[in-house]
């Protein structure tokens, strides 16, 4: 019986956590943008060295 109460408490806490979190924004990923950002980041790293 104690295990069932513990399970219900954990489920309740999980529901509260989900309800209080912000929704995730959906991003449109563009492969060319990702490549350009990666290239820029690598070039900045090379410039620092």
PDB file of N, CA and C in Angstrom:
ATOM      1  N   UNK A   1       0.824  -1.201   0.000  1.00  0.00           N
ATOM      2  CA  UNK A   1       0.000   0.000   0.000  1.00  0.00           C
ATOM      3  C   UNK A   1       0.864   1.258   0.000  1.00  0.00           C
ATOM      4  N   UNK A   2       1.980   1.207   0.720  1.00  0.00           N
ATOM      5  CA  UNK A   2       2.866   2.370   0.754  1.00  0.00           C
ATOM      6  C   UNK A   2       3.478   2.643  -0.619  1.00  0.00           C
ATOM      7  N   UNK A   3       3.728   1.584  -1.374  1.00  0.00           N
ATOM      8  CA  UNK A   3       4.313   1.752  -2.706  1.00  0.00           C
ATOM      9  C   UNK A   3       3.311   2.451  -3.622  1.00  0.00           C
ATOM     10  N   UNK A   4       2.033   2.124  -3.491  1.00  0.00           N
ATOM     11  CA  UNK A   4       1.006   2.744  -4.319  1.00  0.00           C
ATOM     12  C   UNK A   4       0.893   4.230  -3.975  1.00  0.00           C
ATOM     13  N   UNK A   5       0.943   4.561  -2.698  1.00  0.00           N
ATOM     14  CA  UNK A   5       0.885   5.974  -2.294  1.00  0.00           C
ATOM     15  C   UNK A   5       2.098   6.729  -2.823  1.00  0.00           C
ATOM     16  N   UNK A   6       3.263   6.100  -2.742  1.00  0.00           N
ATOM     17  CA  UNK A   6       4.479   6.725  -3.258  1.00  0.00           C
ATOM     18  C   UNK A   6       4.361   6.956  -4.760  1.00  0.00           C
ATOM     19  N   UNK A   7       3.830   5.976  -5.477  1.00  0.00           N
ATOM     20  CA  UNK A   7       3.650   6.104  -6.920  1.00  0.00           C
ATOM     21  C   UNK A   7       2.717   7.257  -7.263  1.00  0.00           C
ATOM     22  N   UNK A   8       1.588   7.362  -6.536  1.00  0.00           N
ATOM     23  CA  UNK A   8       0.653   8.457  -6.783  1.00  0.00           C
ATOM     24  C   UNK A   8       1.281   9.814  -6.477  1.00  0.00           C
ATOM     25  N   UNK A   9       2.064   9.885  -5.420  1.00  0.00           N
ATOM     26  CA  UNK A   9       2.737  11.150  -5.083  1.00  0.00           C
ATOM     27  C   UNK A   9       3.723  11.552  -6.175  1.00  0.00           C
ATOM     28  N   UNK A  10       4.483  10.578  -6.672  1.00  0.00           N
ATOM     29  CA  UNK A  10       5.452  10.873  -7.726  1.00  0.00           C
ATOM     30  C   UNK A  10       4.747  11.311  -9.010  1.00  0.00           C
ATOM     31  N   UNK A  11       3.632  10.677  -9.332  1.00  0.00           N
ATOM     32  CA  UNK A  11       2.872  11.076 -10.522  1.00  0.00           C
ATOM     33  C   UNK A  11       2.337  12.497 -10.368  1.00  0.00           C
ATOM     34  N   UNK A  12       1.858  12.818  -9.191  1.00  0.00           N
ATOM     35  CA  UNK A  12       1.337  14.157  -8.941  1.00  0.00           C
ATOM     36  C   UNK A  12       2.442  15.199  -9.082  1.00  0.00           C
ATOM     37  N   UNK A  13       3.611  14.909  -8.529  1.00  0.00           N
ATOM     38  CA  UNK A  13       4.744  15.835  -8.634  1.00  0.00           C
ATOM     39  C   UNK A  13       5.165  15.993 -10.096  1.00  0.00           C
ATOM     40  N   UNK A  14       5.158  14.894 -10.838  1.00  0.00           N
ATOM     41  CA  UNK A  14       5.523  14.961 -12.258  1.00  0.00           C
ATOM     42  C   UNK A  14       4.523  15.812 -13.034  1.00  0.00           C
ATOM     43  N   UNK A  15       3.229  15.667 -12.720  1.00  0.00           N
ATOM     44  CA  UNK A  15       2.216  16.477 -13.400  1.00  0.00           C
ATOM     45  C   UNK A  15       2.382  17.951 -13.080  1.00  0.00           C
ATOM     46  N   UNK A  16       2.698  18.255 -11.828  1.00  0.00           N
ATOM     47  CA  UNK A  16       2.928  19.659 -11.471  1.00  0.00           C
ATOM     48  C   UNK A  16       4.137  20.208 -12.216  1.00  0.00           C
ATOM     49  N   UNK A  17       5.177  19.416 -12.343  1.00  0.00           N
ATOM     50  CA  UNK A  17       6.377  19.850 -13.065  1.00  0.00           C
ATOM     51  C   UNK A  17       6.088  20.106 -14.528  1.00  0.00           C
ATOM     52  N   UNK A  18       5.294  19.239 -15.146  1.00  0.00           N
ATOM     53  CA  UNK A  18       4.958  19.417 -16.559  1.00  0.00           C
ATOM     54  C   UNK A  18       4.059  20.627 -16.757  1.00  0.00           C
ATOM     55  N   UNK A  19       3.155  20.857 -15.822  1.00  0.00           N
ATOM     56  CA  UNK A  19       2.218  21.967 -15.957  1.00  0.00           C
ATOM     57  C   UNK A  19       2.913  23.310 -15.786  1.00  0.00           C
ATOM     58  N   UNK A  20       3.981  23.329 -14.998  1.00  0.00           N
ATOM     59  CA  UNK A  20       4.648  24.599 -14.740  1.00  0.00           C
ATOM     60  C   UNK A  20       5.749  24.908 -15.755  1.00  0.00           C
ATOM     61  N   UNK A  21       6.130  23.942 -16.570  1.00  0.00           N
ATOM     62  CA  UNK A  21       7.201  24.189 -17.536  1.00  0.00           C
ATOM     63  C   UNK A  21       6.662  24.917 -18.756  1.00  0.00           C
ATOM     64  N   UNK A  22       7.539  25.654 -19.402  1.00  0.00           N
ATOM     65  CA  UNK A  22       7.157  26.411 -20.596  1.00  0.00           C
ATOM     66  C   UNK A  22       7.142  25.483 -21.802  1.00  0.00           C
ATOM     67  N   UNK A  23       6.246  25.698 -22.730  1.00  0.00           N
ATOM     68  CA  UNK A  23       6.233  24.855 -23.929  1.00  0.00           C
ATOM     69  C   UNK A  23       7.474  25.105 -24.779  1.00  0.00           C
ATOM     70  N   UNK A  24       7.900  24.072 -25.445  1.00  0.00           N
ATOM     71  CA  UNK A  24       9.097  24.161 -26.287  1.00  0.00           C
ATOM     72  C   UNK A  24       8.708  24.790 -27.615  1.00  0.00           C
ATOM     73  N   UNK A  25       9.491  25.772 -28.040  1.00  0.00           N
ATOM     74  CA  UNK A  25       9.224  26.413 -29.322  1.00  0.00           C
ATOM     75  C   UNK A  25       9.720  25.512 -30.447  1.00  0.00           C
ATOM     76  N   UNK A  26       8.898  25.359 -31.444  1.00  0.00           N
ATOM     77  CA  UNK A  26       9.290  24.559 -32.600  1.00  0.00           C
ATOM     78  C   UNK A  26      10.070  25.443 -33.560  1.00  0.00           C
ATOM     79  N   UNK A  27      11.258  24.997 -33.880  1.00  0.00           N
ATOM     80  CA  UNK A  27      12.095  25.778 -34.787  1.00  0.00           C
ATOM     81  C   UNK A  27      12.159  25.091 -36.141  1.00  0.00           C
ATOM     82  N   UNK A  28      12.134  25.895 -37.173  1.00  0.00           N
ATOM     83  CA  UNK A  28      12.336  25.368 -38.509  1.00  0.00           C
ATOM     84  C   UNK A  28      13.837  25.320 -38.748  1.00  0.00           C
ATOM     85  N   UNK A  29      14.367  24.115 -38.839  1.00  0.00           N
ATOM     86  CA  UNK A  29      15.807  24.000 -39.019  1.00  0.00           C
ATOM     87  C   UNK A  29      16.123  23.977 -40.509  1.00  0.00           C
ATOM     88  N   UNK A  30      17.059  24.800 -40.869  1.00  0.00           N
ATOM     89  CA  UNK A  30      17.499  24.891 -42.238  1.00  0.00           C
ATOM     90  C   UNK A  30      18.942  24.394 -42.272  1.00  0.00           C
ATOM     91  N   UNK A  31      19.214  23.378 -43.059  1.00  0.00           N
ATOM     92  CA  UNK A  31      20.537  22.766 -43.086  1.00  0.00           C
ATOM     93  C   UNK A  31      21.605  23.769 -43.509  1.00  0.00           C
ATOM     94  N   UNK A  32      21.286  24.648 -44.442  1.00  0.00           N
ATOM     95  CA  UNK A  32      22.269  25.638 -44.895  1.00  0.00           C
ATOM     96  C   UNK A  32      22.604  26.621 -43.769  1.00  0.00           C
ATOM     97  N   UNK A  33      21.595  26.998 -42.986  1.00  0.00           N
ATOM     98  CA  UNK A  33      21.834  27.892 -41.851  1.00  0.00           C
ATOM     99  C   UNK A  33      22.715  27.225 -40.809  1.00  0.00           C
ATOM    100  N   UNK A  34      22.436  25.968 -40.541  1.00  0.00           N
ATOM    101  CA  UNK A  34      23.219  25.226 -39.554  1.00  0.00           C
ATOM    102  C   UNK A  34      24.667  25.125 -40.004  1.00  0.00           C
ATOM    103  N   UNK A  35      24.882  24.830 -41.270  1.00  0.00           N
ATOM    104  CA  UNK A  35      26.251  24.748 -41.793  1.00  0.00           C
ATOM    105  C   UNK A  35      26.957  26.096 -41.701  1.00  0.00           C
ATOM    106  N   UNK A  36      26.255  27.163 -42.042  1.00  0.00           N
ATOM    107  CA  UNK A  36      26.848  28.494 -41.990  1.00  0.00           C
ATOM    108  C   UNK A  36      27.210  28.872 -40.556  1.00  0.00           C
ATOM    109  N   UNK A  37      26.325  28.566 -39.607  1.00  0.00           N
ATOM    110  CA  UNK A  37      26.616  28.862 -38.202  1.00  0.00           C
ATOM    111  C   UNK A  37      27.793  28.047 -37.691  1.00  0.00           C
ATOM    112  N   UNK A  38      27.865  26.785 -38.106  1.00  0.00           N
ATOM    113  CA  UNK A  38      28.984  25.932 -37.683  1.00  0.00           C
ATOM    114  C   UNK A  38      30.298  26.444 -38.272  1.00  0.00           C
ATOM    115  N   UNK A  39      30.272  26.828 -39.526  1.00  0.00           N
ATOM    116  CA  UNK A  39      31.477  27.346 -40.173  1.00  0.00           C
ATOM    117  C   UNK A  39      31.935  28.635 -39.495  1.00  0.00           C
ATOM    118  N   UNK A  40      30.996  29.490 -39.151  1.00  0.00           N
ATOM    119  CA  UNK A  40      31.321  30.739 -38.466  1.00  0.00           C
ATOM    120  C   UNK A  40      31.937  30.458 -37.098  1.00  0.00           C
ATOM    121  N   UNK A  41      31.356  29.494 -36.372  1.00  0.00           N
ATOM    122  CA  UNK A  41      31.877  29.160 -35.044  1.00  0.00           C
ATOM    123  C   UNK A  41      33.283  28.591 -35.138  1.00  0.00           C
ATOM    124  N   UNK A  42      33.529  27.714 -36.111  1.00  0.00           N
ATOM    125  CA  UNK A  42      34.872  27.156 -36.271  1.00  0.00           C
ATOM    126  C   UNK A  42      35.882  28.215 -36.677  1.00  0.00           C
ATOM    127  N   UNK A  43      35.458  29.138 -37.518  1.00  0.00           N
ATOM    128  CA  UNK A  43      36.385  30.190 -37.938  1.00  0.00           C
ATOM    129  C   UNK A  43      36.720  31.105 -36.765  1.00  0.00           C
ATOM    130  N   UNK A  44      35.744  31.356 -35.875  1.00  0.00           N
ATOM    131  CA  UNK A  44      36.013  32.155 -34.685  1.00  0.00           C
ATOM    132  C   UNK A  44      36.968  31.429 -33.740  1.00  0.00           C
ATOM    133  N   UNK A  45      36.830  30.126 -33.645  1.00  0.00           N
ATOM    134  CA  UNK A  45      37.744  29.348 -32.807  1.00  0.00           C
ATOM    135  C   UNK A  45      39.165  29.392 -33.363  1.00  0.00           C
ATOM    136  N   UNK A  46      39.268  29.262 -34.695  1.00  0.00           N
ATOM    137  CA  UNK A  46      40.600  29.320 -35.314  1.00  0.00           C
ATOM    138  C   UNK A  46      41.233  30.692 -35.139  1.00  0.00           C
ATOM    139  N   UNK A  47      40.437  31.746 -35.178  1.00  0.00           N
ATOM    140  CA  UNK A  47      40.958  33.094 -35.036  1.00  0.00           C
ATOM    141  C   UNK A  47      41.487  33.332 -33.617  1.00  0.00           C
ATOM    142  N   UNK A  48      40.862  32.705 -32.633  1.00  0.00           N
ATOM    143  CA  UNK A  48      41.317  32.879 -31.245  1.00  0.00           C
ATOM    144  C   UNK A  48      42.641  32.166 -30.985  1.00  0.00           C
ATOM    145  N   UNK A  49      42.901  31.114 -31.720  1.00  0.00           N
ATOM    146  CA  UNK A  49      44.146  30.363 -31.493  1.00  0.00           C
ATOM    147  C   UNK A  49      45.240  30.983 -32.255  1.00  0.00           C
TER     148      UNK A  49
END
